[in-house]
Amino acid sequence: MTLSKIAPKVTLGLFVVAVSASAVAPASTATVPHEPRNIKPSHGARSIKSSLDARSIKFTSKRLKGGLIECASENPGLAAFLTRDIAKSLKNRASKASVVLYDRTTHTSCAYGADKHYDSASIVKPIILGALLLDRGVHLSEEKKDLARQMIVSSDNDATYTLWDSVGPKNIQNFLDKAGMKNTVLDEAGFMGLTQVTARDQAKLLELLTAKDNSVLNAEERTYILGLMRDVQKDQRWGTPAAAPSDAAVQVKNGWLQRSETGLKNSWDRGDWKVNSMSAITGRAYDYGLVVLTENNRVPEGESPEVGWDYGMDTVEGVAKAIHHDLYPDHTPPATGNPSL
């Protein structure tokens, strides 16, 4: 991946996850009558807009240092399993993390730190492509199509900045507004990877791309973006796809960023890696999305920079494995937990 047009001592790349945790409290549960399109659980889960049309929805929560894991599901026991296993995957991690899940098939949603801002790194790239298609439609020039493929499939930063400059911040903001991604903030200096994103907004993007609503992008445009995310090259398909159902279609975009290369000598970030991952899981009966954002993946003094990146990736994949297995245990390998726990 190229690293041009990035702020001094900032590198960009693909995303993987790490999180904060400890002091897990017992889960609390409650069953409430369902009111179509007016579900109001506590802050985290209430705006995960999967369609919940069962007679009752079960809500569970589990407190983790730094926030509350909240899940809602019409499937008895599933919400409790998810809150428990998300907490298990995060409780011993030193980093900070946010998680958002929606599943239209099982009518399930989960949120942890959903509105915390993170540097986007490369997960901003589907946003740029969405803005391009909203502005110009799917019938792009061959040059633009080639740049779009490089941007998504191989996460090329030079191609990304060419499209970023071509589309322009005004059109990108217009896409964000139409998509309801109100908490996503473009970097004023124009560094695409320093766009401030939240797990909730990125989940909104996945929902937009996989829905049948043509109000922002039409079916052809949505299919175009998902097709490129499905073609992401093999060495960049880690993170949230880990242990996804083997018979599913997996559309992924990852991102990683290290604020500096000076490690612990830099008092600003001490080699802090930001590792992010997002996936839409579709095909057959699957219709769900998962976003995991992480930061504070530190590089111990004397260690190579990749240690922080690996730590983030391990955390993301620990969360992903637990979630995929809880949702579809008959179609995923057994959850083995996080290798560093």
C-alpha atoms as a PDB file:
ATOM      1  CA  MET A   1       0.000   0.000   0.000  1.00  0.00           C
ATOM      2  CA  THR A   2       1.331   3.427  -0.850  1.00  0.00           C
ATOM      3  CA  LEU A   3       1.653   6.009   1.912  1.00  0.00           C
ATOM      4  CA  SER A   4       1.657   9.281  -0.007  1.00  0.00           C
ATOM      5  CA  LYS A   5      -0.191  12.470   0.908  1.00  0.00           C
ATOM      6  CA  ILE A   6      -0.322  11.583   4.602  1.00  0.00           C
ATOM      7  CA  ALA A   7       0.506  14.016   7.394  1.00  0.00           C
ATOM      8  CA  PRO A   8       4.083  13.885   8.683  1.00  0.00           C
ATOM      9  CA  LYS A   9       4.815  10.619  10.461  1.00  0.00           C
ATOM     10  CA  VAL A  10       1.372   9.226   9.719  1.00  0.00           C
ATOM     11  CA  THR A  11       0.957   5.911   7.950  1.00  0.00           C
ATOM     12  CA  LEU A  12      -2.232   4.343   6.620  1.00  0.00           C
ATOM     13  CA  GLY A  13      -3.275   0.841   5.876  1.00  0.00           C
ATOM     14  CA  LEU A  14      -5.902  -1.813   6.434  1.00  0.00           C
ATOM     15  CA  PHE A  15      -7.821  -2.290   9.608  1.00  0.00           C
ATOM     16  CA  VAL A  16      -7.918  -4.865  12.380  1.00  0.00           C
ATOM     17  CA  VAL A  17      -9.200  -4.605  15.952  1.00  0.00           C
ATOM     18  CA  ALA A  18      -8.135  -4.119  19.565  1.00  0.00           C
ATOM     19  CA  VAL A  19     -10.156  -2.954  22.562  1.00  0.00           C
ATOM     20  CA  SER A  20     -10.383  -1.724  26.086  1.00  0.00           C
ATOM     21  CA  ALA A  21     -11.727  -3.740  28.947  1.00  0.00           C
ATOM     22  CA  SER A  22     -11.800  -5.166  32.425  1.00  0.00           C
ATOM     23  CA  ALA A  23     -14.096  -5.327  35.415  1.00  0.00           C
ATOM     24  CA  VAL A  24     -16.977  -7.102  33.756  1.00  0.00           C
ATOM     25  CA  ALA A  25     -20.251  -6.873  35.659  1.00  0.00           C
ATOM     26  CA  PRO A  26     -22.986  -9.517  35.491  1.00  0.00           C
ATOM     27  CA  ALA A  27     -25.303  -9.196  32.526  1.00  0.00           C
ATOM     28  CA  SER A  28     -28.723  -7.667  33.026  1.00  0.00           C
ATOM     29  CA  THR A  29     -31.648  -8.744  30.894  1.00  0.00           C
ATOM     30  CA  ALA A  30     -35.143  -7.528  30.197  1.00  0.00           C
ATOM     31  CA  THR A  31     -37.925  -8.498  27.833  1.00  0.00           C
ATOM     32  CA  VAL A  32     -40.143  -5.690  26.584  1.00  0.00           C
ATOM     33  CA  PRO A  33     -43.153  -5.629  24.256  1.00  0.00           C
ATOM     34  CA  HIS A  34     -42.174  -4.853  20.701  1.00  0.00           C
ATOM     35  CA  GLU A  35     -43.279  -1.591  19.170  1.00  0.00           C
ATOM     36  CA  PRO A  36     -42.424  -1.696  15.442  1.00  0.00           C
ATOM     37  CA  ARG A  37     -39.773   0.875  14.479  1.00  0.00           C
ATOM     38  CA  ASN A  38     -39.936   2.443  17.939  1.00  0.00           C
ATOM     39  CA  ILE A  39     -37.597   0.266  19.961  1.00  0.00           C
ATOM     40  CA  LYS A  40     -35.916   2.305  22.671  1.00  0.00           C
ATOM     41  CA  PRO A  41     -33.301   0.345  24.563  1.00  0.00           C
ATOM     42  CA  SER A  42     -30.560   2.337  26.271  1.00  0.00           C
ATOM     43  CA  HIS A  43     -28.188   4.516  24.278  1.00  0.00           C
ATOM     44  CA  GLY A  44     -25.993   1.960  22.538  1.00  0.00           C
ATOM     45  CA  ALA A  45     -28.465  -0.353  20.850  1.00  0.00           C
ATOM     46  CA  ARG A  46     -31.384   1.937  20.176  1.00  0.00           C
ATOM     47  CA  SER A  47     -30.286   3.293  16.816  1.00  0.00           C
ATOM     48  CA  ILE A  48     -29.035   0.080  15.230  1.00  0.00           C
ATOM     49  CA  LYS A  49     -31.731   0.123  12.551  1.00  0.00           C
ATOM     50  CA  SER A  50     -32.206  -3.524  11.784  1.00  0.00           C
ATOM     51  CA  SER A  51     -35.872  -4.348  11.330  1.00  0.00           C
ATOM     52  CA  LEU A  52     -37.213  -5.878  14.526  1.00  0.00           C
ATOM     53  CA  ASP A  53     -40.651  -7.330  13.938  1.00  0.00           C
ATOM     54  CA  ALA A  54     -41.056 -10.005  16.590  1.00  0.00           C
ATOM     55  CA  ARG A  55     -43.619  -9.842  19.373  1.00  0.00           C
ATOM     56  CA  SER A  56     -40.945  -9.168  21.978  1.00  0.00           C
ATOM     57  CA  ILE A  57     -37.312  -8.138  21.992  1.00  0.00           C
ATOM     58  CA  LYS A  58     -34.848  -9.253  24.631  1.00  0.00           C
ATOM     59  CA  PHE A  59     -32.320  -6.671  25.806  1.00  0.00           C
ATOM     60  CA  THR A  60     -29.157  -7.495  27.723  1.00  0.00           C
ATOM     61  CA  SER A  61     -26.231  -5.412  28.886  1.00  0.00           C
ATOM     62  CA  LYS A  62     -22.861  -5.975  30.479  1.00  0.00           C
ATOM     63  CA  ARG A  63     -20.657  -3.235  31.834  1.00  0.00           C
ATOM     64  CA  LEU A  64     -17.077  -3.148  30.654  1.00  0.00           C
ATOM     65  CA  LYS A  65     -14.498  -0.612  31.697  1.00  0.00           C
ATOM     66  CA  GLY A  66     -15.143   2.436  29.561  1.00  0.00           C
ATOM     67  CA  GLY A  67     -18.715   1.620  28.592  1.00  0.00           C
ATOM     68  CA  LEU A  68     -21.662  -0.715  28.314  1.00  0.00           C
ATOM     69  CA  ILE A  69     -22.106  -3.632  25.933  1.00  0.00           C
ATOM     70  CA  GLU A  70     -25.767  -3.703  24.886  1.00  0.00           C
ATOM     71  CA  CYS A  71     -27.502  -6.294  22.731  1.00  0.00           C
ATOM     72  CA  ALA A  72     -31.098  -6.751  21.597  1.00  0.00           C
ATOM     73  CA  SER A  73     -32.614  -9.782  19.892  1.00  0.00           C
ATOM     74  CA  GLU A  74     -35.910 -11.552  19.302  1.00  0.00           C
ATOM     75  CA  ASN A  75     -34.027 -14.856  19.636  1.00  0.00           C
ATOM     76  CA  PRO A  76     -34.251 -16.054  23.258  1.00  0.00           C
ATOM     77  CA  GLY A  77     -30.803 -16.267  24.770  1.00  0.00           C
ATOM     78  CA  LEU A  78     -28.915 -14.838  21.789  1.00  0.00           C
ATOM     79  CA  ALA A  79     -28.609 -11.326  23.216  1.00  0.00           C
ATOM     80  CA  ALA A  80     -27.240 -12.736  26.469  1.00  0.00           C
ATOM     81  CA  PHE A  81     -24.738 -14.967  24.649  1.00  0.00           C
ATOM     82  CA  LEU A  82     -23.503 -12.038  22.579  1.00  0.00           C
ATOM     83  CA  THR A  83     -23.053  -9.635  25.502  1.00  0.00           C
ATOM     84  CA  ARG A  84     -21.232 -12.331  27.462  1.00  0.00           C
ATOM     85  CA  ASP A  85     -18.920 -13.364  24.634  1.00  0.00           C
ATOM     86  CA  ILE A  86     -18.130  -9.836  23.426  1.00  0.00           C
ATOM     87  CA  ALA A  87     -17.161  -9.029  27.009  1.00  0.00           C
ATOM     88  CA  LYS A  88     -15.003 -12.156  27.266  1.00  0.00           C
ATOM     89  CA  SER A  89     -13.158 -11.264  24.077  1.00  0.00           C
ATOM     90  CA  LEU A  90     -12.390  -7.745  25.298  1.00  0.00           C
ATOM     91  CA  LYS A  91     -12.005  -7.896  29.059  1.00  0.00           C
ATOM     92  CA  ASN A  92      -8.233  -8.477  29.161  1.00  0.00           C
ATOM     93  CA  ARG A  93      -7.307  -6.235  26.238  1.00  0.00           C
ATOM     94  CA  ALA A  94      -5.207  -3.147  26.931  1.00  0.00           C
ATOM     95  CA  SER A  95      -6.470  -1.192  23.955  1.00  0.00           C
ATOM     96  CA  LYS A  96      -9.658   0.764  23.382  1.00  0.00           C
ATOM     97  CA  ALA A  97     -12.358  -0.570  21.076  1.00  0.00           C
ATOM     98  CA  SER A  98     -15.871  -0.026  19.757  1.00  0.00           C
ATOM     99  CA  VAL A  99     -18.201  -2.660  18.305  1.00  0.00           C
ATOM    100  CA  VAL A 100     -21.478  -2.467  16.396  1.00  0.00           C
ATOM    101  CA  LEU A 101     -23.408  -5.443  15.033  1.00  0.00           C
ATOM    102  CA  TYR A 102     -26.730  -5.663  13.200  1.00  0.00           C
ATOM    103  CA  ASP A 103     -28.356  -8.826  11.858  1.00  0.00           C
ATOM    104  CA  ARG A 104     -31.563  -8.494   9.865  1.00  0.00           C
ATOM    105  CA  THR A 105     -32.113 -12.264   9.739  1.00  0.00           C
ATOM    106  CA  THR A 106     -32.118 -12.930  13.482  1.00  0.00           C
ATOM    107  CA  HIS A 107     -33.368  -9.413  14.318  1.00  0.00           C
ATOM    108  CA  THR A 108     -30.350  -8.772  16.524  1.00  0.00           C
ATOM    109  CA  SER A 109     -28.165  -5.760  17.283  1.00  0.00           C
ATOM    110  CA  CYS A 110     -25.254  -5.021  19.613  1.00  0.00           C
ATOM    111  CA  ALA A 111     -23.312  -1.876  20.434  1.00  0.00           C
ATOM    112  CA  TYR A 112     -20.287  -1.014  22.548  1.00  0.00           C
ATOM    113  CA  GLY A 113     -18.776   2.464  22.420  1.00  0.00           C
ATOM    114  CA  ALA A 114     -20.775   3.042  19.244  1.00  0.00           C
ATOM    115  CA  ASP A 115     -20.394   6.835  19.176  1.00  0.00           C
ATOM    116  CA  LYS A 116     -16.716   7.190  20.057  1.00  0.00           C
ATOM    117  CA  HIS A 117     -14.622   8.848  17.347  1.00  0.00           C
ATOM    118  CA  TYR A 118     -11.620   7.113  15.764  1.00  0.00           C
ATOM    119  CA  ASP A 119      -9.204   7.957  12.976  1.00  0.00           C
ATOM    120  CA  SER A 120     -10.721   6.200   9.985  1.00  0.00           C
ATOM    121  CA  ALA A 121      -7.566   5.011   8.215  1.00  0.00           C
ATOM    122  CA  SER A 122      -8.683   3.157   5.077  1.00  0.00           C
ATOM    123  CA  ILE A 123     -12.272   2.410   6.123  1.00  0.00           C
ATOM    124  CA  VAL A 124     -13.110   5.875   4.777  1.00  0.00           C
ATOM    125  CA  LYS A 125     -12.595   4.556   1.233  1.00  0.00           C
ATOM    126  CA  PRO A 126     -16.104   3.102   0.686  1.00  0.00           C
ATOM    127  CA  ILE A 127     -17.431   6.522   1.730  1.00  0.00           C
ATOM    128  CA  ILE A 128     -15.371   8.190  -0.995  1.00  0.00           C
ATOM    129  CA  LEU A 129     -16.661   5.701  -3.557  1.00  0.00           C
ATOM    130  CA  GLY A 130     -20.228   6.218  -2.362  1.00  0.00           C
ATOM    131  CA  ALA A 131     -19.824   9.974  -2.820  1.00  0.00           C
ATOM    132  CA  LEU A 132     -18.390   9.464  -6.314  1.00  0.00           C
ATOM    133  CA  LEU A 133     -21.342   7.288  -7.368  1.00  0.00           C
ATOM    134  CA  LEU A 134     -23.892   9.631  -5.802  1.00  0.00           C
ATOM    135  CA  ASP A 135     -22.396  12.503  -7.776  1.00  0.00           C
ATOM    136  CA  ARG A 136     -21.772  10.770 -11.122  1.00  0.00           C
ATOM    137  CA  GLY A 137     -23.618   7.470 -11.173  1.00  0.00           C
ATOM    138  CA  VAL A 138     -22.247   4.018 -11.877  1.00  0.00           C
ATOM    139  CA  HIS A 139     -21.274   4.681 -15.512  1.00  0.00           C
ATOM    140  CA  LEU A 140     -17.789   5.937 -14.734  1.00  0.00           C
ATOM    141  CA  SER A 141     -14.887   6.400 -17.120  1.00  0.00           C
ATOM    142  CA  GLU A 142     -12.467   3.497 -17.372  1.00  0.00           C
ATOM    143  CA  GLU A 143      -9.910   5.606 -15.532  1.00  0.00           C
ATOM    144  CA  LYS A 144     -12.286   6.215 -12.615  1.00  0.00           C
ATOM    145  CA  LYS A 145     -13.264   2.544 -12.501  1.00  0.00           C
ATOM    146  CA  ASP A 146      -9.602   1.551 -12.356  1.00  0.00           C
ATOM    147  CA  LEU A 147      -8.933   4.049  -9.568  1.00  0.00           C
ATOM    148  CA  ALA A 148     -11.985   2.817  -7.630  1.00  0.00           C
ATOM    149  CA  ARG A 149     -10.801  -0.789  -7.895  1.00  0.00           C
ATOM    150  CA  GLN A 150      -7.312   0.125  -6.719  1.00  0.00           C
ATOM    151  CA  MET A 151      -8.758   2.124  -3.821  1.00  0.00           C
ATOM    152  CA  ILE A 152     -11.015  -0.650  -2.498  1.00  0.00           C
ATOM    153  CA  VAL A 153      -9.443  -3.934  -3.627  1.00  0.00           C
ATOM    154  CA  SER A 154      -5.786  -3.131  -2.895  1.00  0.00           C
ATOM    155  CA  SER A 155      -6.373  -0.068  -0.659  1.00  0.00           C
ATOM    156  CA  ASP A 156      -4.045   2.079  -2.762  1.00  0.00           C
ATOM    157  CA  ASN A 157      -3.678   5.534  -1.223  1.00  0.00           C
ATOM    158  CA  ASP A 158      -2.505   7.308  -4.386  1.00  0.00           C
ATOM    159  CA  ALA A 159      -5.647   6.169  -6.203  1.00  0.00           C
ATOM    160  CA  THR A 160      -7.708   7.212  -3.194  1.00  0.00           C
ATOM    161  CA  TYR A 161      -6.353  10.749  -3.152  1.00  0.00           C
ATOM    162  CA  THR A 162      -6.927  11.105  -6.868  1.00  0.00           C
ATOM    163  CA  LEU A 163     -10.608  10.259  -6.313  1.00  0.00           C
ATOM    164  CA  TRP A 164     -10.763  12.287  -3.071  1.00  0.00           C
ATOM    165  CA  ASP A 165      -9.596  15.386  -4.956  1.00  0.00           C
ATOM    166  CA  SER A 166     -11.873  14.633  -7.905  1.00  0.00           C
ATOM    167  CA  VAL A 167     -15.016  14.191  -5.814  1.00  0.00           C
ATOM    168  CA  GLY A 168     -14.188  16.999  -3.391  1.00  0.00           C
ATOM    169  CA  PRO A 169     -15.116  17.439   0.289  1.00  0.00           C
ATOM    170  CA  LYS A 170     -18.433  19.113  -0.551  1.00  0.00           C
ATOM    171  CA  ASN A 171     -19.718  16.055  -2.408  1.00  0.00           C
ATOM    172  CA  ILE A 172     -18.324  13.690   0.211  1.00  0.00           C
ATOM    173  CA  GLN A 173     -20.138  15.654   2.914  1.00  0.00           C
ATOM    174  CA  ASN A 174     -23.304  15.548   0.814  1.00  0.00           C
ATOM    175  CA  PHE A 175     -23.086  11.751   0.743  1.00  0.00           C
ATOM    176  CA  LEU A 176     -22.553  11.612   4.507  1.00  0.00           C
ATOM    177  CA  ASP A 177     -25.587  13.846   5.049  1.00  0.00           C
ATOM    178  CA  LYS A 178     -27.832  11.764   2.804  1.00  0.00           C
ATOM    179  CA  ALA A 179     -26.596   8.543   4.406  1.00  0.00           C
ATOM    180  CA  GLY A 180     -27.411   9.861   7.885  1.00  0.00           C
ATOM    181  CA  MET A 181     -23.769   9.564   8.967  1.00  0.00           C
ATOM    182  CA  LYS A 182     -24.011  12.664  11.120  1.00  0.00           C
ATOM    183  CA  ASN A 183     -21.073  11.910  13.402  1.00  0.00           C
ATOM    184  CA  THR A 184     -18.495  11.403  10.653  1.00  0.00           C
ATOM    185  CA  VAL A 185     -16.168  14.418  10.389  1.00  0.00           C
ATOM    186  CA  LEU A 186     -13.848  15.034   7.451  1.00  0.00           C
ATOM    187  CA  ASP A 187     -10.336  16.176   8.312  1.00  0.00           C
ATOM    188  CA  GLU A 188     -10.031  19.930   7.774  1.00  0.00           C
ATOM    189  CA  ALA A 189      -6.501  19.566   6.433  1.00  0.00           C
ATOM    190  CA  GLY A 190      -7.691  17.077   3.814  1.00  0.00           C
ATOM    191  CA  PHE A 191      -6.015  13.912   5.093  1.00  0.00           C
ATOM    192  CA  MET A 192      -8.504  11.202   4.205  1.00  0.00           C
ATOM    193  CA  GLY A 193      -7.256   8.715   6.817  1.00  0.00           C
ATOM    194  CA  LEU A 194      -7.770  11.239   9.627  1.00  0.00           C
ATOM    195  CA  THR A 195     -11.500  11.426   8.941  1.00  0.00           C
ATOM    196  CA  GLN A 196     -13.218  10.913  12.289  1.00  0.00           C
ATOM    197  CA  VAL A 197     -15.609   7.959  12.188  1.00  0.00           C
ATOM    198  CA  THR A 198     -17.777   6.060  14.649  1.00  0.00           C
ATOM    199  CA  ALA A 199     -18.739   2.397  14.676  1.00  0.00           C
ATOM    200  CA  ARG A 200     -22.408   3.391  14.516  1.00  0.00           C
ATOM    201  CA  ASP A 201     -21.942   5.491  11.375  1.00  0.00           C
ATOM    202  CA  GLN A 202     -19.892   2.789   9.655  1.00  0.00           C
ATOM    203  CA  ALA A 203     -22.646   0.285  10.431  1.00  0.00           C
ATOM    204  CA  LYS A 204     -25.127   2.711   8.860  1.00  0.00           C
ATOM    205  CA  LEU A 205     -22.984   2.623   5.728  1.00  0.00           C
ATOM    206  CA  LEU A 206     -23.048  -1.185   5.633  1.00  0.00           C
ATOM    207  CA  GLU A 207     -26.814  -1.158   6.147  1.00  0.00           C
ATOM    208  CA  LEU A 208     -27.233   1.356   3.338  1.00  0.00           C
ATOM    209  CA  LEU A 209     -25.157  -0.763   0.949  1.00  0.00           C
ATOM    210  CA  THR A 210     -27.042  -3.991   1.733  1.00  0.00           C
ATOM    211  CA  ALA A 211     -30.603  -2.614   1.947  1.00  0.00           C
ATOM    212  CA  LYS A 212     -33.170  -2.299  -0.835  1.00  0.00           C
ATOM    213  CA  ASP A 213     -33.616   1.431  -0.271  1.00  0.00           C
ATOM    214  CA  ASN A 214     -32.749   3.529  -3.356  1.00  0.00           C
ATOM    215  CA  SER A 215     -33.002   6.896  -1.627  1.00  0.00           C
ATOM    216  CA  VAL A 216     -29.208   7.420  -1.448  1.00  0.00           C
ATOM    217  CA  LEU A 217     -27.674   4.964  -3.939  1.00  0.00           C
ATOM    218  CA  ASN A 218     -29.578   2.816  -6.406  1.00  0.00           C
ATOM    219  CA  ALA A 219     -29.241  -0.965  -6.599  1.00  0.00           C
ATOM    220  CA  GLU A 220     -26.606  -0.871  -9.332  1.00  0.00           C
ATOM    221  CA  GLU A 221     -24.465   1.586  -7.379  1.00  0.00           C
ATOM    222  CA  ARG A 222     -24.735  -0.389  -4.148  1.00  0.00           C
ATOM    223  CA  THR A 223     -23.878  -3.612  -5.959  1.00  0.00           C
ATOM    224  CA  TYR A 224     -20.833  -1.925  -7.510  1.00  0.00           C
ATOM    225  CA  ILE A 225     -19.392  -0.984  -4.099  1.00  0.00           C
ATOM    226  CA  LEU A 226     -20.169  -4.362  -2.540  1.00  0.00           C
ATOM    227  CA  GLY A 227     -18.595  -6.142  -5.505  1.00  0.00           C
ATOM    228  CA  LEU A 228     -15.288  -4.346  -4.969  1.00  0.00           C
ATOM    229  CA  MET A 229     -15.404  -5.016  -1.224  1.00  0.00           C
ATOM    230  CA  ARG A 230     -16.028  -8.680  -1.998  1.00  0.00           C
ATOM    231  CA  ASP A 231     -12.921  -8.665  -4.239  1.00  0.00           C
ATOM    232  CA  VAL A 232     -10.577  -7.206  -1.599  1.00  0.00           C
ATOM    233  CA  GLN A 233      -7.267  -8.988  -2.009  1.00  0.00           C
ATOM    234  CA  LYS A 234      -6.608 -12.022   0.151  1.00  0.00           C
ATOM    235  CA  ASP A 235      -3.925 -10.543   2.396  1.00  0.00           C
ATOM    236  CA  GLN A 236      -6.322  -7.751   3.408  1.00  0.00           C
ATOM    237  CA  ARG A 237      -9.266  -9.964   4.356  1.00  0.00           C
ATOM    238  CA  TRP A 238      -8.444 -10.300   8.042  1.00  0.00           C
ATOM    239  CA  GLY A 239     -10.334  -8.753  10.939  1.00  0.00           C
ATOM    240  CA  THR A 240     -14.122  -8.927  11.006  1.00  0.00           C
ATOM    241  CA  PRO A 241     -14.308 -11.740   8.392  1.00  0.00           C
ATOM    242  CA  ALA A 242     -12.490 -14.092  10.818  1.00  0.00           C
ATOM    243  CA  ALA A 243     -14.606 -17.248  11.276  1.00  0.00           C
ATOM    244  CA  ALA A 244     -17.530 -15.865   9.248  1.00  0.00           C
ATOM    245  CA  PRO A 245     -19.882 -18.545   7.851  1.00  0.00           C
ATOM    246  CA  SER A 246     -18.078 -20.486   5.140  1.00  0.00           C
ATOM    247  CA  ASP A 247     -21.084 -20.352   2.805  1.00  0.00           C
ATOM    248  CA  ALA A 248     -21.544 -16.573   3.080  1.00  0.00           C
ATOM    249  CA  ALA A 249     -20.457 -13.725   0.814  1.00  0.00           C
ATOM    250  CA  VAL A 250     -18.095 -11.462   2.767  1.00  0.00           C
ATOM    251  CA  GLN A 251     -17.612  -7.820   1.801  1.00  0.00           C
ATOM    252  CA  VAL A 252     -14.809  -6.240   3.817  1.00  0.00           C
ATOM    253  CA  LYS A 253     -12.786  -3.057   4.213  1.00  0.00           C
ATOM    254  CA  ASN A 254     -10.011  -2.720   6.761  1.00  0.00           C
ATOM    255  CA  GLY A 255      -7.815   0.155   7.840  1.00  0.00           C
ATOM    256  CA  TRP A 256      -4.765   0.749   9.986  1.00  0.00           C
ATOM    257  CA  LEU A 257      -2.826   3.840  10.915  1.00  0.00           C
ATOM    258  CA  GLN A 258       0.138   4.631  13.123  1.00  0.00           C
ATOM    259  CA  ARG A 259       0.313   8.248  14.143  1.00  0.00           C
ATOM    260  CA  SER A 260       4.098   8.306  14.267  1.00  0.00           C
ATOM    261  CA  GLU A 261       7.118   6.114  13.818  1.00  0.00           C
ATOM    262  CA  THR A 262       8.918   7.347  16.952  1.00  0.00           C
ATOM    263  CA  GLY A 263       7.376   4.822  19.323  1.00  0.00           C
ATOM    264  CA  LEU A 264       7.497   5.451  23.060  1.00  0.00           C
ATOM    265  CA  LYS A 265       9.825   8.433  22.588  1.00  0.00           C
ATOM    266  CA  ASN A 266       6.873  10.409  21.223  1.00  0.00           C
ATOM    267  CA  SER A 267       4.751  11.745  24.089  1.00  0.00           C
ATOM    268  CA  TRP A 268       1.787  12.339  21.764  1.00  0.00           C
ATOM    269  CA  ASP A 269       0.917   8.791  20.767  1.00  0.00           C
ATOM    270  CA  ARG A 270       3.809   6.527  21.825  1.00  0.00           C
ATOM    271  CA  GLY A 271       3.489   4.402  18.698  1.00  0.00           C
ATOM    272  CA  ASP A 272      -0.270   4.081  19.001  1.00  0.00           C
ATOM    273  CA  TRP A 273      -1.800   2.026  16.180  1.00  0.00           C
ATOM    274  CA  LYS A 274      -5.416   2.456  15.112  1.00  0.00           C
ATOM    275  CA  VAL A 275      -6.777  -0.788  13.630  1.00  0.00           C
ATOM    276  CA  ASN A 276     -10.297  -0.909  12.148  1.00  0.00           C
ATOM    277  CA  SER A 277     -12.392  -3.490  10.297  1.00  0.00           C
ATOM    278  CA  MET A 278     -15.897  -3.639   8.835  1.00  0.00           C
ATOM    279  CA  SER A 279     -17.735  -6.410   6.991  1.00  0.00           C
ATOM    280  CA  ALA A 280     -21.127  -7.018   5.423  1.00  0.00           C
ATOM    281  CA  ILE A 281     -22.047 -10.710   5.496  1.00  0.00           C
ATOM    282  CA  THR A 282     -24.640 -11.675   2.877  1.00  0.00           C
ATOM    283  CA  GLY A 283     -25.772 -14.574   0.690  1.00  0.00           C
ATOM    284  CA  ARG A 284     -28.150 -17.424   1.465  1.00  0.00           C
ATOM    285  CA  ALA A 285     -30.014 -16.385   4.648  1.00  0.00           C
ATOM    286  CA  TYR A 286     -27.246 -14.094   5.887  1.00  0.00           C
ATOM    287  CA  ASP A 287     -27.794 -10.367   6.116  1.00  0.00           C
ATOM    288  CA  TYR A 288     -25.658  -8.805   8.824  1.00  0.00           C
ATOM    289  CA  GLY A 289     -22.861  -6.338   9.357  1.00  0.00           C
ATOM    290  CA  LEU A 290     -20.056  -5.986  11.891  1.00  0.00           C
ATOM    291  CA  VAL A 291     -17.815  -3.015  12.647  1.00  0.00           C
ATOM    292  CA  VAL A 292     -14.881  -3.075  15.088  1.00  0.00           C
ATOM    293  CA  LEU A 293     -12.748   0.021  15.630  1.00  0.00           C
ATOM    294  CA  THR A 294      -9.662   0.070  17.861  1.00  0.00           C
ATOM    295  CA  GLU A 295      -6.903   2.377  19.018  1.00  0.00           C
ATOM    296  CA  ASN A 296      -4.258   2.577  21.725  1.00  0.00           C
ATOM    297  CA  ASN A 297      -2.575  -0.521  20.319  1.00  0.00           C
ATOM    298  CA  ARG A 298       0.815   0.333  21.772  1.00  0.00           C
ATOM    299  CA  VAL A 299       4.277  -0.731  20.650  1.00  0.00           C
ATOM    300  CA  PRO A 300       6.443  -1.660  23.656  1.00  0.00           C
ATOM    301  CA  GLU A 301       9.855  -0.027  23.725  1.00  0.00           C
ATOM    302  CA  GLY A 302      12.362  -2.023  21.731  1.00  0.00           C
ATOM    303  CA  GLU A 303       9.709  -3.923  19.762  1.00  0.00           C
ATOM    304  CA  SER A 304       9.040  -3.606  16.017  1.00  0.00           C
ATOM    305  CA  PRO A 305       6.075  -1.385  15.008  1.00  0.00           C
ATOM    306  CA  GLU A 306       4.136  -4.382  13.714  1.00  0.00           C
ATOM    307  CA  VAL A 307       3.574  -5.564  17.289  1.00  0.00           C
ATOM    308  CA  GLY A 308       0.933  -2.894  17.846  1.00  0.00           C
ATOM    309  CA  TRP A 309      -0.762  -3.673  14.546  1.00  0.00           C
ATOM    310  CA  ASP A 310      -0.812  -7.395  15.344  1.00  0.00           C
ATOM    311  CA  TYR A 311      -2.273  -6.689  18.768  1.00  0.00           C
ATOM    312  CA  GLY A 312      -5.130  -4.749  17.237  1.00  0.00           C
ATOM    313  CA  MET A 313      -5.759  -7.449  14.660  1.00  0.00           C
ATOM    314  CA  ASP A 314      -5.876 -10.139  17.337  1.00  0.00           C
ATOM    315  CA  THR A 315      -8.467  -8.199  19.288  1.00  0.00           C
ATOM    316  CA  VAL A 316     -10.697  -7.567  16.308  1.00  0.00           C
ATOM    317  CA  GLU A 317     -10.593 -11.194  15.300  1.00  0.00           C
ATOM    318  CA  GLY A 318     -11.333 -12.345  18.843  1.00  0.00           C
ATOM    319  CA  VAL A 319     -14.514 -10.262  18.829  1.00  0.00           C
ATOM    320  CA  ALA A 320     -15.456 -11.364  15.313  1.00  0.00           C
ATOM    321  CA  LYS A 321     -15.026 -15.070  16.021  1.00  0.00           C
ATOM    322  CA  ALA A 322     -17.236 -14.860  19.098  1.00  0.00           C
ATOM    323  CA  ILE A 323     -19.984 -12.957  17.267  1.00  0.00           C
ATOM    324  CA  HIS A 324     -20.048 -15.119  14.132  1.00  0.00           C
ATOM    325  CA  HIS A 325     -20.174 -18.275  16.216  1.00  0.00           C
ATOM    326  CA  ASP A 326     -22.970 -17.012  18.479  1.00  0.00           C
ATOM    327  CA  LEU A 327     -25.068 -15.961  15.486  1.00  0.00           C
ATOM    328  CA  TYR A 328     -24.536 -19.046  13.316  1.00  0.00           C
ATOM    329  CA  PRO A 329     -22.885 -21.847  15.338  1.00  0.00           C
ATOM    330  CA  ASP A 330     -23.754 -24.511  12.760  1.00  0.00           C
ATOM    331  CA  HIS A 331     -21.983 -22.636   9.962  1.00  0.00           C
ATOM    332  CA  THR A 332     -18.811 -21.422  11.696  1.00  0.00           C
ATOM    333  CA  PRO A 333     -15.821 -23.123  13.321  1.00  0.00           C
ATOM    334  CA  PRO A 334     -15.860 -23.296  17.139  1.00  0.00           C
ATOM    335  CA  ALA A 335     -14.953 -19.988  18.764  1.00  0.00           C
ATOM    336  CA  THR A 336     -11.440 -20.408  20.150  1.00  0.00           C
ATOM    337  CA  GLY A 337     -11.230 -17.051  21.880  1.00  0.00           C
ATOM    338  CA  ASN A 338      -8.490 -14.478  21.566  1.00  0.00           C
ATOM    339  CA  PRO A 339      -5.007 -15.963  21.187  1.00  0.00           C
ATOM    340  CA  SER A 340      -3.472 -13.408  23.536  1.00  0.00           C
ATOM    341  CA  LEU A 341      -5.907 -13.933  26.425  1.00  0.00           C
END
